[in-house]
Amino acid sequence: MKEKYMRRTFEEAMEHRRSYYSIGGDSPVLDEEVVHIVREAVKHVPSALNSQSTRIVLLLGDEHKKLWDIVKETLKKRIPAAAFAKTEAKIDGSFACGHGTVLYFEDTAAVKKLQEAFPTYSENFPTWSQHTSVMHQFAIWTMLEDKGLGASLQHYNPLIDEEVRRTWSLPESWMLIAEMPFGTPTGEPGEKEYQDLSERIKIFL
């Protein structure tokens, strides 16, 4: 089981961040602390030309469960009945059973403005927007981990995008990037293998 929360250095927090697929619906911290984590990340995580294109939707309680009902209903229409039972069990046992979900979006309207303002780099801005989203994902994931919460990163988009925007009345320009269910860990994460760093890093002095 996950060790009791203790304040860590950034390096220690980064090392302990893992994918948890066994999570419960309770939380070792108040929801206000999760809200604080999201606000701090959105305020301070960098973005290309300070575009601040990332948008976050935090779902708690029944709103969290509503999201995973959407995922199941969407997949049920696309997966053969014989195979759907396994998919439903995975969603219910690893994601819907959690305490909440963080939805990561990128505002394509903000990206378009940058493309118009800097046409020389127009083709780069969608990629840089993805970079911005990934930094938010990593920051929030690590901070949740450091508070004693387990999380994983899921990608049921773009299948659920339209229904998600409709359900929570979100702008059409918000493009869903990822879903991060979180909750108190009820099991250990799987073993993680590391490639030889000498094959991944080159240092020149």
N, C-alpha and C. Protein backbone atom coordinates (compact mmCIF):
# COMPACT_ATOMS: atom_id res chain seq x y z
N MET A 1 0.84 -1.20 0.00
CA MET A 1 0.00 0.00 0.00
C MET A 1 0.87 1.25 0.00
N LYS A 2 0.28 2.34 -0.43
CA LYS A 2 1.03 3.59 -0.53
C LYS A 2 1.37 4.11 0.86
N GLU A 3 2.60 4.60 1.03
CA GLU A 3 3.01 5.08 2.33
C GLU A 3 2.25 6.35 2.70
N LYS A 4 2.13 6.60 4.01
CA LYS A 4 1.43 7.78 4.49
C LYS A 4 2.10 9.02 3.94
N TYR A 5 1.28 10.04 3.65
CA TYR A 5 1.80 11.27 3.06
C TYR A 5 2.89 11.90 3.90
N MET A 6 3.97 12.33 3.28
CA MET A 6 5.01 13.11 3.92
C MET A 6 5.56 14.09 2.89
N ARG A 7 6.00 15.22 3.35
CA ARG A 7 6.52 16.22 2.41
C ARG A 7 7.82 15.71 1.80
N ARG A 8 7.91 15.79 0.47
CA ARG A 8 9.07 15.30 -0.24
C ARG A 8 9.72 16.42 -1.03
N THR A 9 10.96 16.20 -1.45
CA THR A 9 11.58 17.10 -2.41
C THR A 9 10.92 16.86 -3.77
N PHE A 10 11.14 17.78 -4.71
CA PHE A 10 10.57 17.60 -6.05
C PHE A 10 11.08 16.32 -6.68
N GLU A 11 12.37 16.04 -6.50
CA GLU A 11 12.95 14.82 -7.07
C GLU A 11 12.28 13.58 -6.49
N GLU A 12 12.05 13.56 -5.19
CA GLU A 12 11.40 12.41 -4.56
C GLU A 12 9.95 12.27 -5.03
N ALA A 13 9.25 13.39 -5.15
CA ALA A 13 7.87 13.34 -5.61
C ALA A 13 7.80 12.81 -7.04
N MET A 14 8.72 13.24 -7.89
CA MET A 14 8.76 12.79 -9.27
C MET A 14 9.03 11.28 -9.34
N GLU A 15 9.94 10.82 -8.49
CA GLU A 15 10.30 9.40 -8.47
C GLU A 15 9.12 8.53 -8.03
N HIS A 16 8.30 9.03 -7.11
CA HIS A 16 7.20 8.24 -6.57
C HIS A 16 5.94 8.29 -7.43
N ARG A 17 5.86 9.21 -8.38
CA ARG A 17 4.67 9.29 -9.23
C ARG A 17 4.56 8.04 -10.08
N ARG A 18 3.42 7.37 -9.99
CA ARG A 18 3.20 6.13 -10.72
C ARG A 18 1.75 6.07 -11.19
N SER A 19 1.44 5.06 -12.01
CA SER A 19 0.07 4.82 -12.46
C SER A 19 -0.60 3.85 -11.49
N TYR A 20 -1.68 4.32 -10.87
CA TYR A 20 -2.45 3.48 -9.95
C TYR A 20 -3.77 3.10 -10.59
N TYR A 21 -4.00 1.80 -10.75
CA TYR A 21 -5.24 1.31 -11.33
C TYR A 21 -6.16 0.69 -10.28
N SER A 22 -5.72 0.68 -9.03
CA SER A 22 -6.55 0.24 -7.92
C SER A 22 -6.72 1.43 -6.98
N ILE A 23 -7.87 2.10 -7.09
CA ILE A 23 -8.11 3.29 -6.29
C ILE A 23 -9.51 3.21 -5.67
N GLY A 24 -9.67 3.93 -4.55
CA GLY A 24 -10.95 3.97 -3.87
C GLY A 24 -11.59 5.34 -3.94
N GLY A 25 -12.82 5.44 -3.49
CA GLY A 25 -13.58 6.67 -3.62
C GLY A 25 -13.32 7.70 -2.54
N ASP A 26 -12.53 7.34 -1.53
CA ASP A 26 -12.24 8.32 -0.49
C ASP A 26 -10.98 9.10 -0.85
N SER A 27 -10.57 10.01 0.03
CA SER A 27 -9.39 10.83 -0.24
C SER A 27 -8.69 11.16 1.07
N PRO A 28 -7.35 11.14 1.08
CA PRO A 28 -6.62 11.48 2.31
C PRO A 28 -6.57 12.99 2.55
N VAL A 29 -7.03 13.79 1.59
CA VAL A 29 -7.02 15.24 1.73
C VAL A 29 -8.40 15.80 1.38
N LEU A 30 -8.67 17.01 1.83
CA LEU A 30 -9.92 17.67 1.51
C LEU A 30 -9.96 18.04 0.03
N ASP A 31 -11.17 18.13 -0.51
CA ASP A 31 -11.32 18.52 -1.91
C ASP A 31 -10.71 19.89 -2.17
N GLU A 32 -10.72 20.75 -1.16
CA GLU A 32 -10.15 22.08 -1.32
C GLU A 32 -8.66 22.01 -1.66
N GLU A 33 -7.97 20.98 -1.15
CA GLU A 33 -6.55 20.83 -1.47
C GLU A 33 -6.35 20.40 -2.91
N VAL A 34 -7.26 19.58 -3.42
CA VAL A 34 -7.19 19.18 -4.82
C VAL A 34 -7.45 20.39 -5.72
N VAL A 35 -8.43 21.18 -5.35
CA VAL A 35 -8.72 22.41 -6.09
C VAL A 35 -7.49 23.32 -6.10
N HIS A 36 -6.82 23.42 -4.95
CA HIS A 36 -5.61 24.25 -4.85
C HIS A 36 -4.53 23.74 -5.79
N ILE A 37 -4.35 22.43 -5.85
CA ILE A 37 -3.36 21.83 -6.74
C ILE A 37 -3.63 22.23 -8.19
N VAL A 38 -4.88 22.10 -8.61
CA VAL A 38 -5.25 22.44 -9.99
C VAL A 38 -5.01 23.91 -10.26
N ARG A 39 -5.41 24.76 -9.34
CA ARG A 39 -5.24 26.21 -9.54
C ARG A 39 -3.77 26.59 -9.63
N GLU A 40 -2.95 26.02 -8.77
CA GLU A 40 -1.52 26.33 -8.78
C GLU A 40 -0.86 25.89 -10.09
N ALA A 41 -1.25 24.70 -10.57
CA ALA A 41 -0.68 24.20 -11.82
C ALA A 41 -1.08 25.09 -13.00
N VAL A 42 -2.37 25.40 -13.08
CA VAL A 42 -2.84 26.22 -14.21
C VAL A 42 -2.20 27.61 -14.18
N LYS A 43 -1.95 28.12 -12.99
CA LYS A 43 -1.35 29.45 -12.88
C LYS A 43 0.13 29.46 -13.21
N HIS A 44 0.86 28.42 -12.80
CA HIS A 44 2.32 28.51 -12.84
C HIS A 44 3.00 27.63 -13.90
N VAL A 45 2.34 26.62 -14.45
CA VAL A 45 2.99 25.78 -15.46
C VAL A 45 3.22 26.62 -16.72
N PRO A 46 4.41 26.55 -17.30
CA PRO A 46 4.71 27.38 -18.48
C PRO A 46 3.99 26.94 -19.74
N SER A 47 3.90 27.87 -20.70
CA SER A 47 3.28 27.58 -21.99
C SER A 47 3.98 28.40 -23.06
N ALA A 48 3.89 27.94 -24.30
CA ALA A 48 4.56 28.62 -25.41
C ALA A 48 4.07 30.05 -25.56
N LEU A 49 5.02 31.01 -25.53
CA LEU A 49 4.71 32.43 -25.63
C LEU A 49 3.66 32.85 -24.61
N ASN A 50 3.67 32.18 -23.45
CA ASN A 50 2.71 32.45 -22.38
C ASN A 50 1.28 32.41 -22.90
N SER A 51 1.01 31.44 -23.77
CA SER A 51 -0.32 31.33 -24.38
C SER A 51 -1.40 30.96 -23.39
N GLN A 52 -1.01 30.24 -22.31
CA GLN A 52 -1.95 29.80 -21.28
C GLN A 52 -3.18 29.12 -21.91
N SER A 53 -2.89 28.18 -22.81
CA SER A 53 -3.95 27.54 -23.60
C SER A 53 -4.61 26.35 -22.91
N THR A 54 -4.04 25.88 -21.80
CA THR A 54 -4.60 24.72 -21.12
C THR A 54 -5.86 25.09 -20.35
N ARG A 55 -6.85 24.21 -20.43
CA ARG A 55 -8.10 24.37 -19.67
C ARG A 55 -8.30 23.08 -18.87
N ILE A 56 -8.76 23.22 -17.64
CA ILE A 56 -8.95 22.07 -16.75
C ILE A 56 -10.39 22.02 -16.27
N VAL A 57 -10.96 20.83 -16.25
CA VAL A 57 -12.25 20.60 -15.61
C VAL A 57 -12.03 19.55 -14.52
N LEU A 58 -12.34 19.90 -13.28
CA LEU A 58 -12.21 18.99 -12.15
C LEU A 58 -13.58 18.46 -11.79
N LEU A 59 -13.73 17.14 -11.84
CA LEU A 59 -15.00 16.50 -11.55
C LEU A 59 -14.90 15.73 -10.23
N LEU A 60 -15.81 16.01 -9.31
CA LEU A 60 -15.83 15.35 -8.02
C LEU A 60 -17.23 14.80 -7.74
N GLY A 61 -17.32 13.82 -6.86
CA GLY A 61 -18.62 13.28 -6.47
C GLY A 61 -19.40 12.71 -7.64
N ASP A 62 -20.67 13.07 -7.72
CA ASP A 62 -21.54 12.54 -8.77
C ASP A 62 -21.09 12.98 -10.17
N GLU A 63 -20.44 14.15 -10.25
CA GLU A 63 -19.97 14.62 -11.56
C GLU A 63 -18.86 13.70 -12.09
N HIS A 64 -18.02 13.23 -11.20
CA HIS A 64 -16.98 12.26 -11.57
C HIS A 64 -17.62 10.97 -12.10
N LYS A 65 -18.61 10.47 -11.40
CA LYS A 65 -19.27 9.23 -11.83
C LYS A 65 -20.01 9.43 -13.16
N LYS A 66 -20.53 10.63 -13.36
CA LYS A 66 -21.25 10.94 -14.59
C LYS A 66 -20.32 10.81 -15.80
N LEU A 67 -19.06 11.23 -15.64
CA LEU A 67 -18.10 11.12 -16.74
C LEU A 67 -17.92 9.67 -17.15
N TRP A 68 -17.73 8.78 -16.17
CA TRP A 68 -17.43 7.39 -16.51
C TRP A 68 -18.67 6.65 -17.00
N ASP A 69 -19.86 7.15 -16.64
CA ASP A 69 -21.08 6.64 -17.26
C ASP A 69 -21.11 7.00 -18.74
N ILE A 70 -20.66 8.21 -19.05
CA ILE A 70 -20.57 8.65 -20.45
C ILE A 70 -19.61 7.75 -21.22
N VAL A 71 -18.46 7.47 -20.61
CA VAL A 71 -17.47 6.61 -21.27
C VAL A 71 -18.07 5.24 -21.55
N LYS A 72 -18.74 4.67 -20.55
CA LYS A 72 -19.32 3.33 -20.73
C LYS A 72 -20.41 3.32 -21.80
N GLU A 73 -21.29 4.31 -21.77
CA GLU A 73 -22.37 4.37 -22.75
C GLU A 73 -21.82 4.56 -24.16
N THR A 74 -20.76 5.35 -24.27
CA THR A 74 -20.14 5.58 -25.58
C THR A 74 -19.51 4.31 -26.13
N LEU A 75 -18.78 3.61 -25.27
CA LEU A 75 -18.11 2.38 -25.70
C LEU A 75 -19.09 1.25 -25.95
N LYS A 76 -20.17 1.24 -25.20
CA LYS A 76 -21.17 0.19 -25.34
C LYS A 76 -21.75 0.15 -26.76
N LYS A 77 -21.80 1.31 -27.40
CA LYS A 77 -22.32 1.41 -28.76
C LYS A 77 -21.31 0.94 -29.81
N ARG A 78 -20.05 0.79 -29.39
CA ARG A 78 -18.99 0.48 -30.34
C ARG A 78 -18.34 -0.88 -30.12
N ILE A 79 -18.56 -1.47 -28.96
CA ILE A 79 -17.91 -2.74 -28.62
C ILE A 79 -18.95 -3.86 -28.61
N PRO A 80 -18.62 -5.01 -29.19
CA PRO A 80 -19.55 -6.15 -29.15
C PRO A 80 -19.94 -6.49 -27.72
N ALA A 81 -21.19 -6.89 -27.53
CA ALA A 81 -21.71 -7.16 -26.19
C ALA A 81 -20.85 -8.15 -25.42
N ALA A 82 -20.33 -9.16 -26.12
CA ALA A 82 -19.53 -10.19 -25.45
C ALA A 82 -18.24 -9.61 -24.87
N ALA A 83 -17.71 -8.56 -25.51
CA ALA A 83 -16.45 -7.96 -25.06
C ALA A 83 -16.67 -6.79 -24.11
N PHE A 84 -17.88 -6.22 -24.13
CA PHE A 84 -18.11 -5.01 -23.34
C PHE A 84 -18.05 -5.27 -21.84
N ALA A 85 -18.45 -6.45 -21.40
CA ALA A 85 -18.44 -6.75 -19.96
C ALA A 85 -17.05 -6.56 -19.36
N LYS A 86 -16.03 -6.98 -20.09
CA LYS A 86 -14.65 -6.83 -19.61
C LYS A 86 -14.26 -5.35 -19.55
N THR A 87 -14.67 -4.59 -20.58
CA THR A 87 -14.38 -3.16 -20.62
C THR A 87 -15.07 -2.44 -19.47
N GLU A 88 -16.33 -2.79 -19.24
CA GLU A 88 -17.10 -2.16 -18.16
C GLU A 88 -16.48 -2.45 -16.81
N ALA A 89 -16.03 -3.68 -16.61
CA ALA A 89 -15.40 -4.06 -15.34
C ALA A 89 -14.13 -3.26 -15.11
N LYS A 90 -13.36 -3.04 -16.17
CA LYS A 90 -12.11 -2.25 -16.06
C LYS A 90 -12.43 -0.82 -15.67
N ILE A 91 -13.42 -0.23 -16.33
CA ILE A 91 -13.78 1.16 -16.04
C ILE A 91 -14.30 1.30 -14.61
N ASP A 92 -15.18 0.39 -14.20
CA ASP A 92 -15.76 0.46 -12.86
C ASP A 92 -14.72 0.18 -11.78
N GLY A 93 -13.79 -0.73 -12.06
CA GLY A 93 -12.84 -1.16 -11.04
C GLY A 93 -11.55 -0.36 -10.97
N SER A 94 -11.29 0.48 -11.98
CA SER A 94 -10.03 1.23 -12.00
C SER A 94 -10.20 2.74 -12.10
N PHE A 95 -11.34 3.21 -12.61
CA PHE A 95 -11.51 4.63 -12.87
C PHE A 95 -12.74 5.21 -12.17
N ALA A 96 -13.91 4.65 -12.46
CA ALA A 96 -15.16 5.17 -11.88
C ALA A 96 -15.18 5.05 -10.36
N CYS A 97 -14.44 4.09 -9.83
CA CYS A 97 -14.43 3.84 -8.39
C CYS A 97 -13.60 4.88 -7.63
N GLY A 98 -12.94 5.78 -8.33
CA GLY A 98 -12.08 6.77 -7.70
C GLY A 98 -12.85 7.91 -7.05
N HIS A 99 -12.10 8.88 -6.57
CA HIS A 99 -12.68 10.03 -5.88
C HIS A 99 -13.04 11.17 -6.83
N GLY A 100 -12.30 11.27 -7.92
CA GLY A 100 -12.54 12.36 -8.86
C GLY A 100 -11.78 12.14 -10.15
N THR A 101 -11.96 13.04 -11.09
CA THR A 101 -11.26 12.99 -12.37
C THR A 101 -10.86 14.40 -12.79
N VAL A 102 -9.65 14.52 -13.27
CA VAL A 102 -9.20 15.77 -13.87
C VAL A 102 -9.26 15.62 -15.39
N LEU A 103 -9.97 16.52 -16.05
CA LEU A 103 -10.04 16.52 -17.51
C LEU A 103 -9.11 17.62 -18.03
N TYR A 104 -8.26 17.25 -18.98
CA TYR A 104 -7.31 18.18 -19.57
C TYR A 104 -7.76 18.57 -20.96
N PHE A 105 -7.88 19.87 -21.19
CA PHE A 105 -8.26 20.39 -22.49
C PHE A 105 -7.20 21.38 -22.98
N GLU A 106 -7.18 21.58 -24.29
CA GLU A 106 -6.44 22.69 -24.87
C GLU A 106 -7.44 23.56 -25.65
N ASP A 107 -7.34 24.87 -25.46
CA ASP A 107 -8.25 25.80 -26.13
C ASP A 107 -7.72 26.11 -27.53
N THR A 108 -8.34 25.53 -28.53
CA THR A 108 -7.88 25.71 -29.90
C THR A 108 -8.01 27.15 -30.36
N ALA A 109 -8.91 27.91 -29.73
CA ALA A 109 -9.05 29.33 -30.08
C ALA A 109 -7.79 30.10 -29.69
N ALA A 110 -7.22 29.77 -28.54
CA ALA A 110 -5.98 30.42 -28.10
C ALA A 110 -4.83 30.06 -29.03
N VAL A 111 -4.81 28.79 -29.45
CA VAL A 111 -3.76 28.35 -30.38
C VAL A 111 -3.89 29.06 -31.71
N LYS A 112 -5.11 29.21 -32.19
CA LYS A 112 -5.36 29.87 -33.48
C LYS A 112 -4.90 31.32 -33.44
N LYS A 113 -5.11 32.00 -32.32
CA LYS A 113 -4.68 33.40 -32.19
C LYS A 113 -3.16 33.51 -32.34
N LEU A 114 -2.44 32.57 -31.75
CA LEU A 114 -0.98 32.58 -31.86
C LEU A 114 -0.55 32.29 -33.30
N GLN A 115 -1.25 31.39 -33.96
CA GLN A 115 -0.93 31.09 -35.35
C GLN A 115 -1.11 32.31 -36.24
N GLU A 116 -2.13 33.08 -35.95
CA GLU A 116 -2.39 34.29 -36.74
C GLU A 116 -1.39 35.39 -36.41
N ALA A 117 -0.98 35.45 -35.14
CA ALA A 117 -0.04 36.49 -34.72
C ALA A 117 1.39 36.20 -35.14
N PHE A 118 1.74 34.92 -35.25
CA PHE A 118 3.11 34.52 -35.60
C PHE A 118 3.05 33.48 -36.73
N PRO A 119 2.71 33.92 -37.94
CA PRO A 119 2.51 32.97 -39.06
C PRO A 119 3.75 32.14 -39.40
N THR A 120 4.94 32.66 -39.10
CA THR A 120 6.16 31.92 -39.40
C THR A 120 6.21 30.60 -38.64
N TYR A 121 5.63 30.59 -37.44
CA TYR A 121 5.65 29.41 -36.59
C TYR A 121 4.28 28.74 -36.52
N SER A 122 3.42 29.05 -37.48
CA SER A 122 2.03 28.59 -37.43
C SER A 122 1.91 27.08 -37.24
N GLU A 123 2.70 26.31 -37.96
CA GLU A 123 2.60 24.86 -37.90
C GLU A 123 3.07 24.30 -36.55
N ASN A 124 3.86 25.08 -35.82
CA ASN A 124 4.42 24.59 -34.56
C ASN A 124 3.47 24.71 -33.38
N PHE A 125 2.55 25.66 -33.43
CA PHE A 125 1.75 25.95 -32.24
C PHE A 125 0.86 24.79 -31.78
N PRO A 126 0.25 24.01 -32.66
CA PRO A 126 -0.50 22.85 -32.16
C PRO A 126 0.38 21.86 -31.38
N THR A 127 1.61 21.67 -31.85
CA THR A 127 2.54 20.79 -31.14
C THR A 127 2.94 21.39 -29.81
N TRP A 128 3.23 22.69 -29.81
CA TRP A 128 3.60 23.35 -28.55
C TRP A 128 2.44 23.35 -27.57
N SER A 129 1.23 23.41 -28.08
CA SER A 129 0.05 23.32 -27.22
C SER A 129 0.00 21.96 -26.51
N GLN A 130 0.33 20.90 -27.24
CA GLN A 130 0.37 19.57 -26.63
C GLN A 130 1.45 19.51 -25.55
N HIS A 131 2.58 20.17 -25.80
CA HIS A 131 3.64 20.22 -24.80
C HIS A 131 3.12 20.86 -23.52
N THR A 132 2.38 21.95 -23.67
CA THR A 132 1.81 22.65 -22.52
C THR A 132 0.89 21.73 -21.73
N SER A 133 0.04 21.00 -22.44
CA SER A 133 -0.88 20.08 -21.78
C SER A 133 -0.12 19.02 -20.99
N VAL A 134 0.90 18.45 -21.61
CA VAL A 134 1.68 17.40 -20.95
C VAL A 134 2.31 17.92 -19.66
N MET A 135 2.81 19.16 -19.68
CA MET A 135 3.41 19.72 -18.47
C MET A 135 2.36 19.87 -17.36
N HIS A 136 1.15 20.26 -17.72
CA HIS A 136 0.08 20.35 -16.73
C HIS A 136 -0.26 18.96 -16.18
N GLN A 137 -0.32 17.98 -17.06
CA GLN A 137 -0.62 16.61 -16.63
C GLN A 137 0.42 16.13 -15.63
N PHE A 138 1.68 16.35 -15.96
CA PHE A 138 2.76 15.88 -15.09
C PHE A 138 2.74 16.62 -13.76
N ALA A 139 2.53 17.91 -13.78
CA ALA A 139 2.55 18.71 -12.56
C ALA A 139 1.42 18.29 -11.62
N ILE A 140 0.21 18.18 -12.16
CA ILE A 140 -0.94 17.82 -11.32
C ILE A 140 -0.83 16.39 -10.83
N TRP A 141 -0.41 15.49 -11.71
CA TRP A 141 -0.24 14.08 -11.34
C TRP A 141 0.75 13.95 -10.18
N THR A 142 1.88 14.65 -10.29
CA THR A 142 2.91 14.57 -9.26
C THR A 142 2.43 15.17 -7.95
N MET A 143 1.72 16.28 -8.01
CA MET A 143 1.22 16.91 -6.79
C MET A 143 0.13 16.07 -6.12
N LEU A 144 -0.72 15.42 -6.92
CA LEU A 144 -1.71 14.50 -6.35
C LEU A 144 -1.01 13.34 -5.66
N GLU A 145 0.00 12.80 -6.32
CA GLU A 145 0.79 11.71 -5.73
C GLU A 145 1.39 12.14 -4.41
N ASP A 146 1.91 13.36 -4.36
CA ASP A 146 2.59 13.84 -3.16
C ASP A 146 1.62 14.05 -2.01
N LYS A 147 0.32 14.15 -2.30
CA LYS A 147 -0.70 14.30 -1.26
C LYS A 147 -1.28 12.95 -0.82
N GLY A 148 -0.75 11.86 -1.39
CA GLY A 148 -1.22 10.55 -1.01
C GLY A 148 -2.30 9.97 -1.90
N LEU A 149 -2.53 10.61 -3.05
CA LEU A 149 -3.55 10.14 -4.00
C LEU A 149 -2.88 9.37 -5.14
N GLY A 150 -3.56 8.34 -5.61
CA GLY A 150 -3.08 7.59 -6.77
C GLY A 150 -3.88 7.99 -7.99
N ALA A 151 -3.23 8.05 -9.14
CA ALA A 151 -3.91 8.47 -10.37
C ALA A 151 -3.36 7.70 -11.56
N SER A 152 -4.08 7.78 -12.66
CA SER A 152 -3.59 7.24 -13.94
C SER A 152 -4.08 8.16 -15.03
N LEU A 153 -3.49 8.04 -16.20
CA LEU A 153 -3.85 8.91 -17.33
C LEU A 153 -4.55 8.09 -18.39
N GLN A 154 -5.75 8.51 -18.78
CA GLN A 154 -6.56 7.77 -19.74
C GLN A 154 -6.87 8.63 -20.97
N HIS A 155 -7.20 7.97 -22.07
CA HIS A 155 -7.47 8.68 -23.32
C HIS A 155 -8.68 8.06 -24.03
N TYR A 156 -9.85 8.43 -23.56
CA TYR A 156 -11.08 7.99 -24.23
C TYR A 156 -11.57 9.04 -25.22
N ASN A 157 -10.84 10.11 -25.32
CA ASN A 157 -11.09 11.11 -26.35
C ASN A 157 -10.49 10.58 -27.67
N PRO A 158 -11.02 10.93 -28.82
CA PRO A 158 -12.09 11.90 -29.05
C PRO A 158 -13.50 11.29 -29.01
N LEU A 159 -13.62 10.01 -28.65
CA LEU A 159 -14.93 9.36 -28.69
C LEU A 159 -15.95 10.07 -27.79
N ILE A 160 -15.50 10.58 -26.65
CA ILE A 160 -16.43 11.16 -25.69
C ILE A 160 -16.49 12.68 -25.75
N ASP A 161 -15.72 13.30 -26.63
CA ASP A 161 -15.56 14.76 -26.62
C ASP A 161 -16.88 15.51 -26.70
N GLU A 162 -17.69 15.16 -27.68
CA GLU A 162 -18.93 15.90 -27.91
C GLU A 162 -19.87 15.81 -26.71
N GLU A 163 -20.01 14.62 -26.15
CA GLU A 163 -20.92 14.45 -25.01
C GLU A 163 -20.38 15.14 -23.77
N VAL A 164 -19.07 15.15 -23.60
CA VAL A 164 -18.46 15.84 -22.46
C VAL A 164 -18.72 17.35 -22.56
N ARG A 165 -18.50 17.91 -23.74
CA ARG A 165 -18.75 19.35 -23.91
C ARG A 165 -20.22 19.68 -23.67
N ARG A 166 -21.12 18.82 -24.16
CA ARG A 166 -22.54 19.07 -24.00
C ARG A 166 -22.95 18.96 -22.53
N THR A 167 -22.47 17.94 -21.84
CA THR A 167 -22.87 17.69 -20.46
C THR A 167 -22.46 18.83 -19.52
N TRP A 168 -21.26 19.36 -19.71
CA TRP A 168 -20.79 20.41 -18.82
C TRP A 168 -20.76 21.79 -19.48
N SER A 169 -21.45 21.92 -20.61
CA SER A 169 -21.61 23.22 -21.30
C SER A 169 -20.26 23.90 -21.54
N LEU A 170 -19.34 23.17 -22.15
CA LEU A 170 -18.00 23.68 -22.43
C LEU A 170 -17.93 24.25 -23.84
N PRO A 171 -17.05 25.21 -24.07
CA PRO A 171 -16.90 25.80 -25.40
C PRO A 171 -16.46 24.77 -26.44
N GLU A 172 -16.91 24.96 -27.66
CA GLU A 172 -16.53 24.07 -28.76
C GLU A 172 -15.03 24.08 -29.01
N SER A 173 -14.39 25.19 -28.66
CA SER A 173 -12.94 25.31 -28.91
C SER A 173 -12.10 24.51 -27.94
N TRP A 174 -12.73 23.98 -26.87
CA TRP A 174 -11.97 23.19 -25.90
C TRP A 174 -11.82 21.77 -26.42
N MET A 175 -10.59 21.37 -26.71
CA MET A 175 -10.30 20.04 -27.22
C MET A 175 -9.80 19.15 -26.08
N LEU A 176 -10.51 18.04 -25.85
CA LEU A 176 -10.14 17.13 -24.78
C LEU A 176 -8.85 16.39 -25.12
N ILE A 177 -7.91 16.40 -24.18
CA ILE A 177 -6.61 15.76 -24.39
C ILE A 177 -6.49 14.46 -23.58
N ALA A 178 -6.94 14.47 -22.33
CA ALA A 178 -6.76 13.30 -21.47
C ALA A 178 -7.68 13.37 -20.27
N GLU A 179 -7.86 12.20 -19.64
CA GLU A 179 -8.67 12.09 -18.43
C GLU A 179 -7.81 11.43 -17.34
N MET A 180 -7.83 12.02 -16.14
CA MET A 180 -7.01 11.51 -15.04
C MET A 180 -7.87 11.18 -13.82
N PRO A 181 -8.34 9.93 -13.69
CA PRO A 181 -9.06 9.53 -12.49
C PRO A 181 -8.10 9.39 -11.31
N PHE A 182 -8.56 9.77 -10.11
CA PHE A 182 -7.68 9.67 -8.94
C PHE A 182 -8.50 9.29 -7.71
N GLY A 183 -7.80 8.74 -6.73
CA GLY A 183 -8.43 8.35 -5.47
C GLY A 183 -7.38 7.77 -4.54
N THR A 184 -7.80 7.33 -3.38
CA THR A 184 -6.87 6.70 -2.46
C THR A 184 -6.43 5.35 -3.00
N PRO A 185 -5.13 5.09 -3.10
CA PRO A 185 -4.66 3.79 -3.62
C PRO A 185 -5.14 2.64 -2.75
N THR A 186 -5.64 1.60 -3.40
CA THR A 186 -6.06 0.39 -2.68
C THR A 186 -5.18 -0.81 -3.07
N GLY A 187 -4.15 -0.55 -3.85
CA GLY A 187 -3.21 -1.59 -4.27
C GLY A 187 -1.94 -0.94 -4.78
N GLU A 188 -0.93 -1.74 -4.95
CA GLU A 188 0.36 -1.23 -5.41
C GLU A 188 0.38 -1.10 -6.94
N PRO A 189 1.13 -0.14 -7.46
CA PRO A 189 1.29 -0.04 -8.92
C PRO A 189 2.16 -1.17 -9.44
N GLY A 190 2.10 -1.44 -10.72
CA GLY A 190 2.93 -2.49 -11.30
C GLY A 190 4.40 -2.12 -11.30
N GLU A 191 5.23 -3.12 -11.48
CA GLU A 191 6.67 -2.87 -11.55
C GLU A 191 7.00 -2.04 -12.78
N LYS A 192 7.94 -1.13 -12.63
CA LYS A 192 8.34 -0.27 -13.74
C LYS A 192 9.76 -0.62 -14.16
N GLU A 193 9.95 -0.88 -15.45
CA GLU A 193 11.27 -1.20 -15.97
C GLU A 193 11.91 0.06 -16.54
N TYR A 194 13.22 0.17 -16.35
CA TYR A 194 13.95 1.35 -16.81
C TYR A 194 14.99 0.94 -17.85
N GLN A 195 14.98 1.64 -18.96
CA GLN A 195 16.00 1.40 -19.97
C GLN A 195 17.34 1.96 -19.47
N ASP A 196 18.41 1.47 -20.07
CA ASP A 196 19.76 1.91 -19.71
C ASP A 196 19.89 3.40 -20.02
N LEU A 197 20.19 4.21 -19.00
CA LEU A 197 20.29 5.64 -19.20
C LEU A 197 21.41 6.03 -20.15
N SER A 198 22.44 5.18 -20.25
CA SER A 198 23.55 5.49 -21.15
C SER A 198 23.11 5.48 -22.61
N GLU A 199 21.97 4.82 -22.88
CA GLU A 199 21.44 4.79 -24.24
C GLU A 199 20.44 5.91 -24.49
N ARG A 200 20.09 6.65 -23.44
CA ARG A 200 19.07 7.69 -23.56
C ARG A 200 19.64 9.09 -23.33
N ILE A 201 20.85 9.15 -22.81
CA ILE A 201 21.46 10.46 -22.47
C ILE A 201 22.86 10.54 -23.07
N LYS A 202 23.16 11.67 -23.67
CA LYS A 202 24.52 11.95 -24.14
C LYS A 202 25.00 13.22 -23.48
N ILE A 203 26.19 13.19 -22.93
CA ILE A 203 26.75 14.34 -22.23
C ILE A 203 28.06 14.72 -22.89
N PHE A 204 28.21 15.98 -23.24
CA PHE A 204 29.43 16.49 -23.87
C PHE A 204 30.02 17.58 -22.99
N LEU A 205 31.29 17.44 -22.63
CA LEU A 205 31.96 18.40 -21.76
C LEU A 205 33.06 19.13 -22.53
